[in-house]
C-alpha cells in the first residue's frame, strides 16, 4: 500500500539514523533535504550559520523546503521522509521565543526583529498546506537523548523541547495522524514495521548495521554512528 511517512522530531532525536535503517529494512525509498548548514555553503559562501541575519535564515528555510518538496515529488509511490516541511515552520517559529541563534551560551537572548514572526507565520501557511497534501502519517521521535555536540546543531536544549512541543501541537491542529515511537533503534524499527504492516527484507540487526555504516560515511554524522541512536 502506498504510504508517505514523515519521520518527525527535533534535533538529535534520531530522524536520520531511523529513516536510513527503515529504508534498508523495508525497501521504502528515503527522502530528505540538506541541513541549513550544508545549504549555507552554496547560498551564502564564507558565512557561518551563527552569523546569519533573520532574513538570511528565512532564505535558508525557503531553500530547504524547496529542496525537500522537489525530492518528494520524485517519489509518487510513497516514501520515508527524514523530517518534513513542518520542521522549517517550527524551527522558525521557536526562534521568536528562543532567539535567532539559540545555542547554549551563544546568542541565546538575541530577539528577532519585529517583522520576523509575521513572515514566519506567512511561510507557515504554505508549509502546513504542503504537509497536509504530502504526508499520510507521521512517526514522531520524542526527545530522549542528549544533543550531539558536533558543531552541526546550532540550538539549545530549551529550543529542542519547545520545538518538540510545537511539532506535536501543529500535528494535532492539522489533524495529521502520528505515532510517538521511542526507545533503542531496533525497538523503533520493530514498532514502525508493526504499526504499518511493512515488509522486513532483512533482520533488524542488519538494518541497524547498514544504517550506522552509512551514517559513518558522513563525517558530521560520525558521532551519531558510533553507537548512538541520535541523528
C-alpha atoms as a PDB file:
ATOM      1  CA  UNK A   1       0.000   0.000   0.000  1.00  0.00           C
ATOM      2  CA  UNK A   2       1.305   3.449  -0.936  1.00  0.00           C
ATOM      3  CA  UNK A   3       2.364   5.363   2.169  1.00  0.00           C
ATOM      4  CA  UNK A   4       4.020   8.739   2.558  1.00  0.00           C
ATOM      5  CA  UNK A   5       5.532   8.596   6.033  1.00  0.00           C
ATOM      6  CA  UNK A   6       7.325  11.552   7.616  1.00  0.00           C
ATOM      7  CA  UNK A   7       9.707  10.814  10.471  1.00  0.00           C
ATOM      8  CA  UNK A   8       9.377  13.779  12.803  1.00  0.00           C
ATOM      9  CA  UNK A   9      11.323  15.074  15.778  1.00  0.00           C
ATOM     10  CA  UNK A  10      13.612  17.908  16.732  1.00  0.00           C
ATOM     11  CA  UNK A  11      17.433  17.988  16.675  1.00  0.00           C
ATOM     12  CA  UNK A  12      19.239  14.841  17.948  1.00  0.00           C
ATOM     13  CA  UNK A  13      16.168  12.634  18.203  1.00  0.00           C
ATOM     14  CA  UNK A  14      17.417  10.170  15.601  1.00  0.00           C
ATOM     15  CA  UNK A  15      15.474  11.066  12.460  1.00  0.00           C
ATOM     16  CA  UNK A  16      18.289  10.329  10.044  1.00  0.00           C
ATOM     17  CA  UNK A  17      19.523   7.116  11.669  1.00  0.00           C
ATOM     18  CA  UNK A  18      15.956   5.851  11.955  1.00  0.00           C
ATOM     19  CA  UNK A  19      14.886   6.680   8.404  1.00  0.00           C
ATOM     20  CA  UNK A  20      18.062   5.218   6.891  1.00  0.00           C
ATOM     21  CA  UNK A  21      17.583   1.989   8.878  1.00  0.00           C
ATOM     22  CA  UNK A  22      13.875   1.815   7.989  1.00  0.00           C
ATOM     23  CA  UNK A  23      14.682   2.278   4.314  1.00  0.00           C
ATOM     24  CA  UNK A  24      17.156  -0.613   4.405  1.00  0.00           C
ATOM     25  CA  UNK A  25      14.735  -2.763   6.404  1.00  0.00           C
ATOM     26  CA  UNK A  26      11.607  -2.204   4.324  1.00  0.00           C
ATOM     27  CA  UNK A  27      12.897  -1.203   0.894  1.00  0.00           C
ATOM     28  CA  UNK A  28      10.913   2.053   1.017  1.00  0.00           C
ATOM     29  CA  UNK A  29      12.808   4.974  -0.553  1.00  0.00           C
ATOM     30  CA  UNK A  30      14.093   7.640   1.812  1.00  0.00           C
ATOM     31  CA  UNK A  31      13.887  11.330   1.011  1.00  0.00           C
ATOM     32  CA  UNK A  32      15.351  14.333   2.795  1.00  0.00           C
ATOM     33  CA  UNK A  33      16.701  17.844   2.408  1.00  0.00           C
ATOM     34  CA  UNK A  34      20.189  19.038   3.194  1.00  0.00           C
ATOM     35  CA  UNK A  35      20.702  20.762   6.521  1.00  0.00           C
ATOM     36  CA  UNK A  36      20.738  24.545   6.663  1.00  0.00           C
ATOM     37  CA  UNK A  37      24.481  24.450   7.309  1.00  0.00           C
ATOM     38  CA  UNK A  38      25.001  22.351   4.176  1.00  0.00           C
ATOM     39  CA  UNK A  39      22.807  24.688   2.105  1.00  0.00           C
ATOM     40  CA  UNK A  40      24.633  27.708   3.549  1.00  0.00           C
ATOM     41  CA  UNK A  41      27.847  26.827   1.690  1.00  0.00           C
ATOM     42  CA  UNK A  42      26.073  27.306  -1.648  1.00  0.00           C
ATOM     43  CA  UNK A  43      23.679  30.112  -0.687  1.00  0.00           C
ATOM     44  CA  UNK A  44      25.982  32.362   1.362  1.00  0.00           C
ATOM     45  CA  UNK A  45      29.585  31.229   0.801  1.00  0.00           C
ATOM     46  CA  UNK A  46      32.033  32.067   3.562  1.00  0.00           C
ATOM     47  CA  UNK A  47      29.358  32.767   6.165  1.00  0.00           C
ATOM     48  CA  UNK A  48      28.824  30.821   9.383  1.00  0.00           C
ATOM     49  CA  UNK A  49      25.279  29.871  10.326  1.00  0.00           C
ATOM     50  CA  UNK A  50      25.706  31.650  13.654  1.00  0.00           C
ATOM     51  CA  UNK A  51      26.429  34.863  11.746  1.00  0.00           C
ATOM     52  CA  UNK A  52      23.271  34.785   9.612  1.00  0.00           C
ATOM     53  CA  UNK A  53      20.668  37.511   9.997  1.00  0.00           C
ATOM     54  CA  UNK A  54      16.933  36.847  10.305  1.00  0.00           C
ATOM     55  CA  UNK A  55      16.325  37.437   6.554  1.00  0.00           C
ATOM     56  CA  UNK A  56      19.190  35.081   5.707  1.00  0.00           C
ATOM     57  CA  UNK A  57      17.800  32.366   7.981  1.00  0.00           C
ATOM     58  CA  UNK A  58      14.411  32.756   6.284  1.00  0.00           C
ATOM     59  CA  UNK A  59      16.130  32.390   2.908  1.00  0.00           C
ATOM     60  CA  UNK A  60      17.810  29.163   4.042  1.00  0.00           C
ATOM     61  CA  UNK A  61      14.495  27.798   5.298  1.00  0.00           C
ATOM     62  CA  UNK A  62      12.828  28.511   1.939  1.00  0.00           C
ATOM     63  CA  UNK A  63      15.692  26.863   0.068  1.00  0.00           C
ATOM     64  CA  UNK A  64      15.459  23.814   2.322  1.00  0.00           C
ATOM     65  CA  UNK A  65      11.704  23.487   1.838  1.00  0.00           C
ATOM     66  CA  UNK A  66      12.074  23.810  -1.938  1.00  0.00           C
ATOM     67  CA  UNK A  67      14.700  21.072  -1.989  1.00  0.00           C
ATOM     68  CA  UNK A  68      12.521  18.838   0.166  1.00  0.00           C
ATOM     69  CA  UNK A  69       9.429  19.344  -1.999  1.00  0.00           C
ATOM     70  CA  UNK A  70      11.340  18.578  -5.205  1.00  0.00           C
ATOM     71  CA  UNK A  71      12.748  15.348  -3.769  1.00  0.00           C
ATOM     72  CA  UNK A  72       9.329  14.233  -2.519  1.00  0.00           C
ATOM     73  CA  UNK A  73       7.723  14.931  -5.890  1.00  0.00           C
ATOM     74  CA  UNK A  74      10.004  12.336  -7.474  1.00  0.00           C
ATOM     75  CA  UNK A  75       8.574   9.549  -5.288  1.00  0.00           C
ATOM     76  CA  UNK A  76       4.835   9.367  -6.103  1.00  0.00           C
ATOM     77  CA  UNK A  77       4.559   5.756  -4.913  1.00  0.00           C
ATOM     78  CA  UNK A  78       5.448   6.501  -1.305  1.00  0.00           C
ATOM     79  CA  UNK A  79       8.485   7.378   0.771  1.00  0.00           C
ATOM     80  CA  UNK A  80      10.073   7.744   4.184  1.00  0.00           C
ATOM     81  CA  UNK A  81      10.810  11.425   4.750  1.00  0.00           C
ATOM     82  CA  UNK A  82      13.665  12.399   7.065  1.00  0.00           C
ATOM     83  CA  UNK A  83      11.855  15.345   8.656  1.00  0.00           C
ATOM     84  CA  UNK A  84       9.080  17.322   6.998  1.00  0.00           C
ATOM     85  CA  UNK A  85       8.033  20.747   5.772  1.00  0.00           C
ATOM     86  CA  UNK A  86       6.675  21.409   9.269  1.00  0.00           C
ATOM     87  CA  UNK A  87      10.207  21.481  10.629  1.00  0.00           C
ATOM     88  CA  UNK A  88      11.044  24.661   8.714  1.00  0.00           C
ATOM     89  CA  UNK A  89       7.935  26.302  10.204  1.00  0.00           C
ATOM     90  CA  UNK A  90       8.540  25.055  13.737  1.00  0.00           C
ATOM     91  CA  UNK A  91      12.227  25.954  13.878  1.00  0.00           C
ATOM     92  CA  UNK A  92      11.464  29.438  12.566  1.00  0.00           C
ATOM     93  CA  UNK A  93       8.600  29.958  14.998  1.00  0.00           C
ATOM     94  CA  UNK A  94      10.541  28.786  18.048  1.00  0.00           C
ATOM     95  CA  UNK A  95      13.268  31.323  17.297  1.00  0.00           C
ATOM     96  CA  UNK A  96      10.724  34.008  18.232  1.00  0.00           C
ATOM     97  CA  UNK A  97      10.911  32.709  21.823  1.00  0.00           C
ATOM     98  CA  UNK A  98      14.396  31.201  21.998  1.00  0.00           C
ATOM     99  CA  UNK A  99      16.372  33.741  19.958  1.00  0.00           C
ATOM    100  CA  UNK A 100      17.671  33.828  16.400  1.00  0.00           C
ATOM    101  CA  UNK A 101      20.779  31.844  17.374  1.00  0.00           C
ATOM    102  CA  UNK A 102      19.546  29.797  20.342  1.00  0.00           C
ATOM    103  CA  UNK A 103      22.650  27.824  21.298  1.00  0.00           C
ATOM    104  CA  UNK A 104      23.537  27.428  24.967  1.00  0.00           C
ATOM    105  CA  UNK A 105      25.988  30.181  25.765  1.00  0.00           C
ATOM    106  CA  UNK A 106      25.817  31.832  22.327  1.00  0.00           C
ATOM    107  CA  UNK A 107      23.289  34.470  21.411  1.00  0.00           C
ATOM    108  CA  UNK A 108      20.553  32.759  23.426  1.00  0.00           C
ATOM    109  CA  UNK A 109      18.727  36.026  24.051  1.00  0.00           C
ATOM    110  CA  UNK A 110      19.054  37.738  20.648  1.00  0.00           C
ATOM    111  CA  UNK A 111      15.464  38.641  19.879  1.00  0.00           C
ATOM    112  CA  UNK A 112      14.351  38.532  16.228  1.00  0.00           C
ATOM    113  CA  UNK A 113      13.325  41.778  14.509  1.00  0.00           C
ATOM    114  CA  UNK A 114       9.668  42.836  14.617  1.00  0.00           C
ATOM    115  CA  UNK A 115       8.854  41.624  11.100  1.00  0.00           C
ATOM    116  CA  UNK A 116      10.210  38.134  11.705  1.00  0.00           C
ATOM    117  CA  UNK A 117       7.205  36.419  13.273  1.00  0.00           C
ATOM    118  CA  UNK A 118       4.789  37.774  10.654  1.00  0.00           C
ATOM    119  CA  UNK A 119       6.985  36.435   7.862  1.00  0.00           C
ATOM    120  CA  UNK A 120       7.367  33.059   9.587  1.00  0.00           C
ATOM    121  CA  UNK A 121       3.614  32.793  10.059  1.00  0.00           C
ATOM    122  CA  UNK A 122       3.115  33.587   6.379  1.00  0.00           C
ATOM    123  CA  UNK A 123       5.574  30.858   5.438  1.00  0.00           C
ATOM    124  CA  UNK A 124       3.878  28.572   7.913  1.00  0.00           C
ATOM    125  CA  UNK A 125       0.609  28.670   5.972  1.00  0.00           C
ATOM    126  CA  UNK A 126       2.428  27.299   2.905  1.00  0.00           C
ATOM    127  CA  UNK A 127       4.434  24.715   4.847  1.00  0.00           C
ATOM    128  CA  UNK A 128       1.388  23.420   6.710  1.00  0.00           C
ATOM    129  CA  UNK A 129      -0.566  23.120   3.480  1.00  0.00           C
ATOM    130  CA  UNK A 130       2.289  21.129   1.985  1.00  0.00           C
ATOM    131  CA  UNK A 131       2.288  18.795   4.983  1.00  0.00           C
ATOM    132  CA  UNK A 132      -1.452  18.173   4.643  1.00  0.00           C
ATOM    133  CA  UNK A 133      -1.078  17.353   0.960  1.00  0.00           C
ATOM    134  CA  UNK A 134       2.184  15.434   1.070  1.00  0.00           C
ATOM    135  CA  UNK A 135       2.243  13.186   4.170  1.00  0.00           C
ATOM    136  CA  UNK A 136      -0.220  10.472   5.124  1.00  0.00           C
ATOM    137  CA  UNK A 137       1.110   9.934   8.629  1.00  0.00           C
ATOM    138  CA  UNK A 138       3.970  10.921  10.930  1.00  0.00           C
ATOM    139  CA  UNK A 139       6.254   8.839  13.105  1.00  0.00           C
ATOM    140  CA  UNK A 140       7.276  11.240  15.867  1.00  0.00           C
ATOM    141  CA  UNK A 141      10.522  10.653  17.769  1.00  0.00           C
ATOM    142  CA  UNK A 142      10.492  12.232  21.244  1.00  0.00           C
ATOM    143  CA  UNK A 143      13.452  13.945  22.909  1.00  0.00           C
ATOM    144  CA  UNK A 144      15.230  11.051  24.647  1.00  0.00           C
ATOM    145  CA  UNK A 145      18.933  11.659  24.042  1.00  0.00           C
ATOM    146  CA  UNK A 146      21.409  14.444  24.716  1.00  0.00           C
ATOM    147  CA  UNK A 147      22.153  16.956  21.973  1.00  0.00           C
ATOM    148  CA  UNK A 148      25.095  15.712  19.890  1.00  0.00           C
ATOM    149  CA  UNK A 149      27.965  18.209  20.234  1.00  0.00           C
ATOM    150  CA  UNK A 150      29.251  18.017  16.660  1.00  0.00           C
ATOM    151  CA  UNK A 151      29.004  21.694  15.698  1.00  0.00           C
ATOM    152  CA  UNK A 152      26.195  20.792  13.315  1.00  0.00           C
ATOM    153  CA  UNK A 153      23.215  21.606  15.539  1.00  0.00           C
ATOM    154  CA  UNK A 154      23.104  25.347  16.378  1.00  0.00           C
ATOM    155  CA  UNK A 155      20.431  25.088  19.071  1.00  0.00           C
ATOM    156  CA  UNK A 156      19.900  24.740  22.822  1.00  0.00           C
ATOM    157  CA  UNK A 157      18.087  22.176  24.956  1.00  0.00           C
ATOM    158  CA  UNK A 158      15.312  24.724  25.511  1.00  0.00           C
ATOM    159  CA  UNK A 159      14.974  25.120  21.743  1.00  0.00           C
ATOM    160  CA  UNK A 160      14.692  21.337  21.354  1.00  0.00           C
ATOM    161  CA  UNK A 161      11.908  20.977  23.912  1.00  0.00           C
ATOM    162  CA  UNK A 162       9.980  23.988  22.605  1.00  0.00           C
ATOM    163  CA  UNK A 163      10.270  22.561  19.076  1.00  0.00           C
ATOM    164  CA  UNK A 164       9.074  19.132  20.185  1.00  0.00           C
ATOM    165  CA  UNK A 165       6.001  20.634  21.848  1.00  0.00           C
ATOM    166  CA  UNK A 166       5.169  22.812  18.829  1.00  0.00           C
ATOM    167  CA  UNK A 167       5.613  19.926  16.372  1.00  0.00           C
ATOM    168  CA  UNK A 168       3.050  17.847  18.268  1.00  0.00           C
ATOM    169  CA  UNK A 169       0.641  20.752  18.679  1.00  0.00           C
ATOM    170  CA  UNK A 170       0.852  21.524  14.963  1.00  0.00           C
ATOM    171  CA  UNK A 171       0.140  17.905  14.021  1.00  0.00           C
ATOM    172  CA  UNK A 172      -2.883  17.984  16.353  1.00  0.00           C
ATOM    173  CA  UNK A 173      -4.022  21.297  14.857  1.00  0.00           C
ATOM    174  CA  UNK A 174      -3.777  19.969  11.307  1.00  0.00           C
ATOM    175  CA  UNK A 175      -5.362  16.630  12.165  1.00  0.00           C
ATOM    176  CA  UNK A 176      -2.477  14.652  10.668  1.00  0.00           C
ATOM    177  CA  UNK A 177      -2.247  11.259  12.389  1.00  0.00           C
ATOM    178  CA  UNK A 178       1.002  10.458  14.170  1.00  0.00           C
ATOM    179  CA  UNK A 179       2.556   7.756  16.321  1.00  0.00           C
ATOM    180  CA  UNK A 180       5.112   8.545  19.023  1.00  0.00           C
ATOM    181  CA  UNK A 181       7.877   5.947  18.757  1.00  0.00           C
ATOM    182  CA  UNK A 182      10.833   5.862  21.129  1.00  0.00           C
ATOM    183  CA  UNK A 183      13.397   3.514  22.589  1.00  0.00           C
ATOM    184  CA  UNK A 184      16.529   1.891  21.146  1.00  0.00           C
ATOM    185  CA  UNK A 185      16.867   1.810  17.371  1.00  0.00           C
ATOM    186  CA  UNK A 186      15.907  -1.851  16.900  1.00  0.00           C
ATOM    187  CA  UNK A 187      12.833  -1.302  19.058  1.00  0.00           C
ATOM    188  CA  UNK A 188      11.850   1.706  16.947  1.00  0.00           C
ATOM    189  CA  UNK A 189      12.181  -0.288  13.740  1.00  0.00           C
ATOM    190  CA  UNK A 190      10.101  -3.171  15.077  1.00  0.00           C
ATOM    191  CA  UNK A 191       7.386  -0.776  16.263  1.00  0.00           C
ATOM    192  CA  UNK A 192       7.127   1.066  12.926  1.00  0.00           C
ATOM    193  CA  UNK A 193       7.030  -2.165  10.915  1.00  0.00           C
ATOM    194  CA  UNK A 194       4.282  -3.468  13.185  1.00  0.00           C
ATOM    195  CA  UNK A 195       2.193  -0.269  13.081  1.00  0.00           C
ATOM    196  CA  UNK A 196       2.119  -0.063   9.284  1.00  0.00           C
ATOM    197  CA  UNK A 197       2.437  -3.719   8.383  1.00  0.00           C
ATOM    198  CA  UNK A 198       5.598  -3.011   6.379  1.00  0.00           C
ATOM    199  CA  UNK A 199       7.738  -5.807   4.931  1.00  0.00           C
ATOM    200  CA  UNK A 200      11.029  -6.721   6.615  1.00  0.00           C
ATOM    201  CA  UNK A 201      13.604  -7.530   3.933  1.00  0.00           C
ATOM    202  CA  UNK A 202      16.349  -8.338   6.453  1.00  0.00           C
ATOM    203  CA  UNK A 203      16.890  -8.684  10.188  1.00  0.00           C
ATOM    204  CA  UNK A 204      16.580  -5.661  12.447  1.00  0.00           C
ATOM    205  CA  UNK A 205      20.236  -6.032  13.415  1.00  0.00           C
ATOM    206  CA  UNK A 206      21.375  -5.975   9.797  1.00  0.00           C
ATOM    207  CA  UNK A 207      19.310  -2.844   9.070  1.00  0.00           C
ATOM    208  CA  UNK A 208      20.923  -1.142  12.062  1.00  0.00           C
ATOM    209  CA  UNK A 209      24.402  -2.155  10.869  1.00  0.00           C
ATOM    210  CA  UNK A 210      23.784  -0.768   7.398  1.00  0.00           C
ATOM    211  CA  UNK A 211      22.362   2.452   8.800  1.00  0.00           C
ATOM    212  CA  UNK A 212      25.337   3.074  11.074  1.00  0.00           C
ATOM    213  CA  UNK A 213      27.791   2.264   8.303  1.00  0.00           C
ATOM    214  CA  UNK A 214      26.051   4.726   6.001  1.00  0.00           C
ATOM    215  CA  UNK A 215      25.981   7.386   8.700  1.00  0.00           C
ATOM    216  CA  UNK A 216      29.664   6.842   9.489  1.00  0.00           C
ATOM    217  CA  UNK A 217      30.454   7.731   5.876  1.00  0.00           C
ATOM    218  CA  UNK A 218      29.364  11.299   6.609  1.00  0.00           C
ATOM    219  CA  UNK A 219      31.986  12.977   8.857  1.00  0.00           C
ATOM    220  CA  UNK A 220      29.386  15.217  10.526  1.00  0.00           C
ATOM    221  CA  UNK A 221      27.329  12.151  11.452  1.00  0.00           C
ATOM    222  CA  UNK A 222      30.237  10.020  12.663  1.00  0.00           C
ATOM    223  CA  UNK A 223      29.490  10.628  16.360  1.00  0.00           C
ATOM    224  CA  UNK A 224      25.918   9.515  15.842  1.00  0.00           C
ATOM    225  CA  UNK A 225      27.006   6.372  14.006  1.00  0.00           C
ATOM    226  CA  UNK A 226      29.466   5.331  16.699  1.00  0.00           C
ATOM    227  CA  UNK A 227      26.929   3.759  18.999  1.00  0.00           C
ATOM    228  CA  UNK A 228      24.291   6.457  19.423  1.00  0.00           C
ATOM    229  CA  UNK A 229      20.759   6.302  18.057  1.00  0.00           C
ATOM    230  CA  UNK A 230      20.718  10.034  17.558  1.00  0.00           C
ATOM    231  CA  UNK A 231      20.564  11.886  14.276  1.00  0.00           C
END
